[in-house]
Amino acid sequence: MKTPTNPPSSNVPPPPSNFAVRISKLPAYALFGLLGVGLISCGALLLSGKVEMLPPNLTPDDVMHGDVTHKIAKQLSKAWLPEQAADLERAASWLLLNDTGTRVRVGCPDWLFLTDELKINRHAQDNANIKARAVIDLQQQLHQQGITLLVAIVPDKSRIAADQLCAVDRPATLSKRVVSWSSSLQQAGVSVLNLAPALQSLGASAYLRTDTHWSEAGANAAAQAIAAQVKAMDIEATPRKTFEAHAQAAALRPGDLVRLAGIDWLSLHLQPKPESVAATQFIEKQDAAAEGADDLDDLFGDDNLPNVALIGTSFSRNSNFAGFLQKALGAPVGNFSKDGGEFSGGANQYFSNPAFTQTPPKLVIWEIPERDLQTPYVLIIMKTQAD
């Protein structure tokens, strides 16, 4: 008796249905359209001349490590379609995964930190040494003109508010970089003030939760420490003035880290908890005798101009730091700081400015964030009075 055998199974898939055949080209058309719109938007940006293809000071190191292509890609990401896609991706990542992208890290609830503070920079020590040498050279040039330089280092938010990092890791190798860099300057005769001790007494309250910068409490503490250092250096800030501080009504303060995370366009209840800040307004107190003397000075010279210049970054332009500094010094301050200036942007802008060449100060206070100490160096260009 024969055992029945099953027919051999076929590996050939069944033919697609008529409906599947009709819609099979739709994904290809959608992808083609998406790529086309992206190409047009990026092309329009290229033709606008707003994209710098090659940096002015191109180095082999930039090429080998992909810095050139990274900068081009970053500029092209500002085109319309990439920006819209990035916004949607950022919102989905934040709402679903509590992820804030590559530039911002999430610490304890409602606390954000800048990734740049946590990075181990390539050639970190070499960069720090070059920057220290640049500051020393600048101090020597200023000294020849009778100008004193005071360097004030702003510690990282992740250093002072370490108790709010939670799962965010701050590399241990960063713990000594301020002390090490400060020591190299002090040994060369440069006056340096590490603001960390002044801010550590405040703890996390020295900084804003959703912003890179210090709070008004932190800015005030830093200003008081700098004023004490200026007094210890036997320098008198002039012209002498009195400033009154008036607290304004509390208002929402948008955090720059929320913007860097790409979620600032979401409604407030979907963002990290917004901060409410009562900003301080500083008013110069005037009396009739002083006002008459000021008018006379303005007629015959520059004696009434501030003899203290402040250069630096957005720290000097946030949380009323310049106002607190003026009040602590008892004199107006020329604020020449630059948003996004990093290590030397504010210095380059000021030392090539007629404000420096025509009316040089007696004291230059240079505010430098800790996170910029080991980044690549940009040359400081200084014009003297003789130039």
Protein backbone atom coordinates (compact mmCIF):
# COMPACT_ATOMS: atom_id res chain seq x y z
CA MET A 1 0.00 0.00 0.00
CA LYS A 2 1.34 3.41 -1.06
CA THR A 3 1.67 6.18 1.52
CA PRO A 4 0.10 9.41 0.19
CA THR A 5 2.56 12.24 -0.24
CA ASN A 6 1.84 15.96 0.10
CA PRO A 7 2.50 18.09 -2.95
CA PRO A 8 5.76 20.02 -2.72
CA SER A 9 5.36 23.50 -1.22
CA SER A 10 6.16 26.43 -3.48
CA ASN A 11 8.48 29.29 -2.43
CA VAL A 12 6.98 31.57 -5.03
CA PRO A 13 5.01 34.37 -3.31
CA PRO A 14 1.46 34.94 -4.37
CA PRO A 15 1.01 37.67 -6.96
CA PRO A 16 0.09 41.13 -5.57
CA SER A 17 -3.48 42.27 -5.72
CA ASN A 18 -4.61 44.88 -8.20
CA PHE A 19 -4.93 47.42 -5.35
CA ALA A 20 -1.34 46.79 -4.18
CA VAL A 21 -0.09 47.27 -7.73
CA ARG A 22 -1.96 50.57 -8.06
CA ILE A 23 -0.56 52.10 -4.84
CA SER A 24 2.96 50.62 -5.02
CA LYS A 25 4.38 53.73 -6.68
CA LEU A 26 2.97 56.19 -4.15
CA PRO A 27 5.86 55.84 -1.60
CA ALA A 28 8.37 56.43 -4.41
CA TYR A 29 6.48 59.53 -5.57
CA ALA A 30 6.29 60.82 -1.98
CA LEU A 31 10.01 60.26 -1.42
CA PHE A 32 10.84 61.87 -4.76
CA GLY A 33 8.69 64.90 -3.90
CA LEU A 34 10.23 65.21 -0.43
CA LEU A 35 13.77 65.04 -1.81
CA GLY A 36 12.83 67.52 -4.51
CA VAL A 37 11.46 70.08 -2.05
CA GLY A 38 14.53 69.59 0.13
CA LEU A 39 16.84 70.07 -2.84
CA ILE A 40 15.02 73.25 -3.90
CA SER A 41 15.07 74.74 -0.38
CA CYS A 42 18.78 73.96 0.11
CA GLY A 43 19.58 75.20 -3.40
CA ALA A 44 17.79 78.48 -2.72
CA LEU A 45 19.85 78.91 0.45
CA LEU A 46 23.08 78.21 -1.47
CA LEU A 47 22.18 80.70 -4.20
CA SER A 48 21.39 83.35 -1.58
CA GLY A 49 25.08 83.49 -0.72
CA LYS A 50 24.42 82.90 2.97
CA VAL A 51 26.36 79.62 3.05
CA GLU A 52 30.11 79.82 3.61
CA MET A 53 31.55 76.83 1.76
CA LEU A 54 35.10 77.13 3.11
CA PRO A 55 36.26 78.95 6.26
CA PRO A 56 38.75 81.82 5.74
CA ASN A 57 41.43 80.06 7.82
CA LEU A 58 41.15 76.48 6.60
CA THR A 59 43.54 74.01 8.25
CA PRO A 60 44.33 70.37 7.39
CA ASP A 61 43.02 69.42 10.84
CA ASP A 62 39.62 70.92 9.96
CA VAL A 63 39.46 68.82 6.79
CA MET A 64 40.65 65.57 8.39
CA HIS A 65 38.14 65.75 11.25
CA GLY A 66 35.16 66.75 9.11
CA ASP A 67 34.79 70.27 10.49
CA VAL A 68 34.29 71.73 7.00
CA THR A 69 31.45 69.43 5.99
CA HIS A 70 29.93 69.72 9.47
CA LYS A 71 29.75 73.52 9.17
CA ILE A 72 28.24 73.32 5.67
CA ALA A 73 25.63 70.83 6.87
CA LYS A 74 24.84 73.05 9.84
CA GLN A 75 24.27 76.02 7.53
CA LEU A 76 22.11 74.00 5.13
CA SER A 77 19.97 72.87 8.06
CA LYS A 78 18.66 76.45 8.19
CA ALA A 79 16.76 75.91 4.92
CA TRP A 80 12.96 75.84 5.20
CA LEU A 81 12.30 72.09 4.85
CA PRO A 82 15.12 70.90 7.13
CA GLU A 83 14.00 73.38 9.78
CA GLN A 84 10.40 72.16 9.65
CA ALA A 85 11.49 68.52 9.77
CA ALA A 86 13.88 69.24 12.63
CA ASP A 87 11.12 70.95 14.63
CA LEU A 88 8.84 67.93 14.26
CA GLU A 89 11.63 65.50 15.14
CA ARG A 90 12.65 67.56 18.19
CA ALA A 91 9.08 67.76 19.45
CA ALA A 92 8.51 64.01 19.03
CA SER A 93 11.83 63.16 20.74
CA TRP A 94 11.08 65.45 23.67
CA LEU A 95 7.46 64.44 24.19
CA LEU A 96 7.99 60.71 23.71
CA LEU A 97 11.54 60.12 24.95
CA ASN A 98 12.37 63.19 27.09
CA ASP A 99 15.26 63.78 24.69
CA THR A 100 16.58 67.30 23.98
CA GLY A 101 19.02 66.58 21.16
CA THR A 102 22.79 66.90 20.98
CA ARG A 103 23.26 70.44 22.33
CA VAL A 104 21.22 70.18 25.52
CA ARG A 105 21.13 67.59 28.30
CA VAL A 106 18.25 66.98 30.72
CA GLY A 107 19.24 66.91 34.37
CA CYS A 108 16.85 66.73 37.30
CA PRO A 109 13.21 67.66 36.58
CA ASP A 110 12.99 70.97 34.67
CA TRP A 111 16.78 71.49 34.74
CA LEU A 112 18.64 71.76 31.42
CA PHE A 113 22.40 71.92 30.79
CA LEU A 114 24.52 72.91 27.81
CA THR A 115 26.38 69.98 26.27
CA ASP A 116 29.41 72.19 25.53
CA GLU A 117 30.15 72.32 29.26
CA LEU A 118 30.49 68.53 29.36
CA LYS A 119 32.59 67.98 26.23
CA ILE A 120 36.22 66.86 26.21
CA ASN A 121 37.61 69.09 23.48
CA ARG A 122 40.08 67.84 20.90
CA HIS A 123 43.58 69.22 21.68
CA ALA A 124 42.11 70.58 24.94
CA GLN A 125 45.40 71.25 26.72
CA ASP A 126 47.07 72.71 23.64
CA ASN A 127 44.10 75.04 23.13
CA ALA A 128 44.20 76.10 26.79
CA ASN A 129 47.94 76.80 26.61
CA ILE A 130 47.57 78.89 23.44
CA LYS A 131 44.74 80.92 24.98
CA ALA A 132 46.73 81.48 28.16
CA ARG A 133 49.65 82.75 26.08
CA ALA A 134 47.30 85.09 24.18
CA VAL A 135 45.96 86.56 27.45
CA ILE A 136 49.48 87.01 28.81
CA ASP A 137 50.59 88.78 25.62
CA LEU A 138 47.54 91.04 25.74
CA GLN A 139 48.14 91.89 29.40
CA GLN A 140 51.70 92.91 28.58
CA GLN A 141 50.53 95.14 25.71
CA LEU A 142 47.93 96.79 27.92
CA HIS A 143 50.43 97.27 30.74
CA GLN A 144 52.67 99.24 28.38
CA GLN A 145 49.76 101.66 27.90
CA GLY A 146 49.09 101.96 31.62
CA ILE A 147 45.99 99.75 31.46
CA THR A 148 45.28 96.97 33.97
CA LEU A 149 43.65 93.69 32.94
CA LEU A 150 41.47 91.59 35.25
CA VAL A 151 40.31 88.21 33.98
CA ALA A 152 37.11 86.85 35.60
CA ILE A 153 36.30 83.20 34.90
CA VAL A 154 32.62 82.20 35.01
CA PRO A 155 32.32 78.56 36.19
CA ASP A 156 30.14 76.09 34.32
CA LYS A 157 26.52 75.80 35.38
CA SER A 158 27.09 72.04 35.60
CA ARG A 159 29.87 72.69 38.14
CA ILE A 160 27.93 74.98 40.48
CA ALA A 161 24.52 73.29 40.07
CA ALA A 162 26.00 69.78 40.21
CA ASP A 163 23.24 68.62 42.57
CA GLN A 164 20.74 69.17 39.74
CA LEU A 165 22.58 67.00 37.17
CA CYS A 166 20.88 63.73 38.23
CA ALA A 167 21.69 61.27 35.40
CA VAL A 168 23.92 63.72 33.49
CA ASP A 169 27.60 62.83 33.82
CA ARG A 170 30.21 65.59 34.13
CA PRO A 171 33.67 64.16 33.27
CA ALA A 172 36.02 64.17 36.26
CA THR A 173 38.85 65.43 34.06
CA LEU A 174 37.11 68.84 33.90
CA SER A 175 37.32 69.43 37.64
CA LYS A 176 40.79 71.06 37.56
CA ARG A 177 40.69 73.02 34.30
CA VAL A 178 39.85 76.42 35.84
CA VAL A 179 42.49 76.14 38.59
CA SER A 180 45.12 74.93 36.14
CA TRP A 181 44.45 77.69 33.59
CA SER A 182 44.24 80.40 36.27
CA SER A 183 47.57 79.32 37.75
CA SER A 184 49.34 79.64 34.41
CA LEU A 185 48.13 83.24 34.11
CA GLN A 186 48.89 84.19 37.69
CA GLN A 187 52.45 82.90 37.36
CA ALA A 188 52.88 85.33 34.45
CA GLY A 189 51.57 88.25 36.48
CA VAL A 190 47.99 88.39 35.14
CA SER A 191 45.25 89.18 37.66
CA VAL A 192 42.70 86.35 37.58
CA LEU A 193 39.50 85.88 39.57
CA ASN A 194 37.82 82.48 39.66
CA LEU A 195 34.15 83.24 40.36
CA ALA A 196 33.36 79.68 41.49
CA PRO A 197 33.77 80.36 45.24
CA ALA A 198 31.43 83.36 45.02
CA LEU A 199 28.75 81.29 43.27
CA GLN A 200 29.15 78.03 45.19
CA SER A 201 27.64 79.57 48.31
CA LEU A 202 24.42 80.04 46.32
CA GLY A 203 24.41 76.54 44.88
CA ALA A 204 21.98 75.83 42.06
CA SER A 205 20.16 79.14 42.64
CA ALA A 206 23.16 80.93 41.08
CA TYR A 207 21.93 79.79 37.66
CA LEU A 208 18.64 79.70 35.78
CA ARG A 209 16.99 76.30 35.36
CA THR A 210 16.31 76.37 31.62
CA ASP A 211 18.99 78.84 30.57
CA THR A 212 22.77 78.76 30.16
CA HIS A 213 23.28 81.90 32.20
CA TRP A 214 23.40 82.84 35.83
CA SER A 215 20.39 84.15 37.73
CA GLU A 216 20.29 87.67 39.13
CA ALA A 217 21.47 86.26 42.45
CA GLY A 218 24.47 84.72 40.70
CA ALA A 219 25.16 87.87 38.67
CA ASN A 220 25.06 89.98 41.84
CA ALA A 221 27.41 87.62 43.69
CA ALA A 222 29.85 87.71 40.77
CA ALA A 223 29.69 91.50 40.60
CA GLN A 224 30.39 91.82 44.33
CA ALA A 225 33.40 89.50 44.04
CA ILE A 226 34.82 91.46 41.10
CA ALA A 227 34.31 94.79 42.87
CA ALA A 228 36.15 93.45 45.92
CA GLN A 229 39.01 92.31 43.68
CA VAL A 230 39.19 95.72 41.97
CA LYS A 231 39.38 97.39 45.38
CA ALA A 232 42.14 94.98 46.44
CA MET A 233 44.06 95.97 43.29
CA ASP A 234 43.88 99.60 44.52
CA ILE A 235 41.98 100.75 41.44
CA GLU A 236 39.21 103.33 41.74
CA ALA A 237 36.43 103.16 39.19
CA THR A 238 35.37 106.61 38.01
CA PRO A 239 33.37 108.78 37.66
CA ARG A 240 31.82 108.09 41.05
CA LYS A 241 28.08 107.48 40.82
CA THR A 242 25.31 106.04 42.94
CA PHE A 243 22.93 103.48 41.46
CA GLU A 244 19.57 102.50 42.89
CA ALA A 245 18.16 99.03 42.33
CA HIS A 246 14.41 98.57 41.85
CA ALA A 247 12.78 95.15 41.55
CA GLN A 248 10.22 94.91 38.76
CA ALA A 249 7.17 92.67 38.58
CA ALA A 250 7.87 89.00 37.97
CA ALA A 251 7.60 87.88 34.33
CA LEU A 252 8.27 84.75 32.33
CA ARG A 253 11.87 84.46 31.18
CA PRO A 254 12.35 82.23 28.10
CA GLY A 255 15.33 79.88 28.52
CA ASP A 256 17.93 79.75 25.75
CA LEU A 257 18.41 76.01 26.37
CA VAL A 258 14.75 75.42 25.48
CA ARG A 259 15.44 77.21 22.19
CA LEU A 260 18.64 75.22 21.58
CA ALA A 261 16.68 72.03 22.21
CA GLY A 262 14.31 73.09 19.42
CA ILE A 263 11.16 72.91 21.54
CA ASP A 264 10.55 76.61 22.21
CA TRP A 265 7.76 76.64 19.61
CA LEU A 266 5.68 74.18 21.64
CA SER A 267 3.02 75.51 23.98
CA LEU A 268 4.36 76.36 27.44
CA HIS A 269 2.67 73.43 29.19
CA LEU A 270 4.57 71.03 26.90
CA GLN A 271 7.96 72.63 27.57
CA PRO A 272 10.10 72.29 30.72
CA LYS A 273 8.54 74.37 33.49
CA PRO A 274 9.03 78.05 32.53
CA GLU A 275 10.86 80.38 34.90
CA SER A 276 9.38 83.53 36.37
CA VAL A 277 11.95 86.24 37.10
CA ALA A 278 11.59 89.61 38.82
CA ALA A 279 14.20 91.61 36.90
CA THR A 280 16.07 94.48 38.54
CA GLN A 281 16.14 97.97 37.08
CA PHE A 282 19.12 100.18 37.90
CA ILE A 283 18.72 103.94 37.98
CA GLU A 284 21.62 106.35 38.31
CA LYS A 285 21.00 108.73 41.19
CA GLN A 286 21.62 112.35 40.27
CA ASP A 287 21.87 115.57 42.25
CA ALA A 288 21.93 119.11 40.90
CA ALA A 289 25.59 119.78 41.75
CA ALA A 290 26.83 116.57 40.16
CA GLU A 291 24.67 117.13 37.07
CA GLY A 292 26.15 120.62 36.58
CA ALA A 293 29.69 119.27 36.97
CA ASP A 294 28.97 116.51 34.42
CA ASP A 295 27.81 119.08 31.88
CA LEU A 296 31.02 121.08 32.37
CA ASP A 297 33.16 117.95 31.95
CA ASP A 298 31.38 117.06 28.71
CA LEU A 299 32.29 120.49 27.30
CA PHE A 300 36.03 120.20 27.89
CA GLY A 301 37.01 116.56 27.59
CA ASP A 302 36.42 112.90 28.35
CA ASP A 303 36.98 113.07 32.12
CA ASN A 304 33.41 111.96 32.75
CA LEU A 305 33.67 108.78 30.69
CA PRO A 306 33.93 105.42 32.52
CA ASN A 307 37.50 104.30 33.18
CA VAL A 308 36.39 100.65 33.40
CA ALA A 309 35.58 98.56 30.32
CA LEU A 310 33.80 95.20 30.47
CA ILE A 311 34.40 92.70 27.67
CA GLY A 312 33.21 89.13 27.45
CA THR A 313 30.21 87.09 26.45
CA SER A 314 26.45 86.95 26.92
CA PHE A 315 27.01 86.38 30.66
CA SER A 316 27.83 90.10 30.88
CA ARG A 317 24.61 90.90 29.01
CA ASN A 318 22.25 88.70 31.02
CA SER A 319 20.54 88.93 34.43
CA ASN A 320 21.62 92.57 34.79
CA PHE A 321 25.24 91.64 35.54
CA ALA A 322 26.54 94.96 34.19
CA GLY A 323 24.04 96.82 36.37
CA PHE A 324 25.06 94.92 39.49
CA LEU A 325 28.71 95.55 38.64
CA GLN A 326 28.15 99.29 38.27
CA LYS A 327 26.35 99.43 41.61
CA ALA A 328 29.10 97.40 43.32
CA LEU A 329 31.87 99.57 41.84
CA GLY A 330 29.99 102.81 42.44
CA ALA A 331 30.76 103.93 38.88
CA PRO A 332 29.45 103.38 35.34
CA VAL A 333 31.04 100.67 33.22
CA GLY A 334 31.47 100.57 29.46
CA ASN A 335 29.96 97.22 28.48
CA PHE A 336 31.48 95.92 25.23
CA SER A 337 30.56 92.27 25.67
CA LYS A 338 29.28 90.27 22.73
CA ASP A 339 26.53 87.66 22.59
CA GLY A 340 28.00 84.45 21.21
CA GLY A 341 31.47 85.95 21.45
CA GLU A 342 32.93 82.87 23.16
CA PHE A 343 36.56 83.31 24.24
CA SER A 344 37.83 86.25 22.17
CA GLY A 345 34.86 87.63 20.19
CA GLY A 346 34.18 90.44 22.65
CA ALA A 347 37.90 91.22 22.96
CA ASN A 348 38.37 91.44 19.19
CA GLN A 349 35.35 93.71 18.87
CA TYR A 350 36.49 96.05 21.64
CA PHE A 351 40.20 96.34 20.90
CA SER A 352 39.53 97.28 17.27
CA ASN A 353 36.87 99.81 18.32
CA PRO A 354 37.45 103.59 18.45
CA ALA A 355 36.07 103.44 22.00
CA PHE A 356 39.35 101.76 22.98
CA THR A 357 41.78 103.48 20.63
CA GLN A 358 40.52 107.01 21.30
CA THR A 359 39.54 106.78 24.98
CA PRO A 360 41.45 103.86 26.54
CA PRO A 361 40.27 102.79 30.00
CA LYS A 362 42.25 102.35 33.19
CA LEU A 363 40.89 98.85 33.80
CA VAL A 364 39.63 96.12 31.45
CA ILE A 365 37.53 93.38 33.04
CA TRP A 366 37.48 90.34 30.78
CA GLU A 367 34.72 87.84 31.60
CA ILE A 368 35.45 84.35 30.19
CA PRO A 369 33.18 81.27 30.58
CA GLU A 370 34.93 78.12 31.78
CA ARG A 371 33.57 76.09 28.85
CA ASP A 372 35.57 78.26 26.42
CA LEU A 373 38.98 77.70 28.02
CA GLN A 374 39.82 74.58 25.99
CA THR A 375 38.04 75.25 22.69
CA PRO A 376 39.92 76.16 19.47
CA TYR A 377 41.54 79.57 19.56
CA VAL A 378 40.60 82.67 17.52
CA LEU A 379 43.29 85.35 17.29
CA ILE A 380 42.86 88.51 19.37
CA ILE A 381 43.40 91.58 17.21
CA MET A 382 44.39 94.67 19.18
CA LYS A 383 44.89 98.17 17.83
CA THR A 384 46.94 100.54 19.94
CA GLN A 385 46.61 104.31 20.12
CA ALA A 386 49.54 104.58 17.69
CA ASP A 387 47.64 102.60 15.05
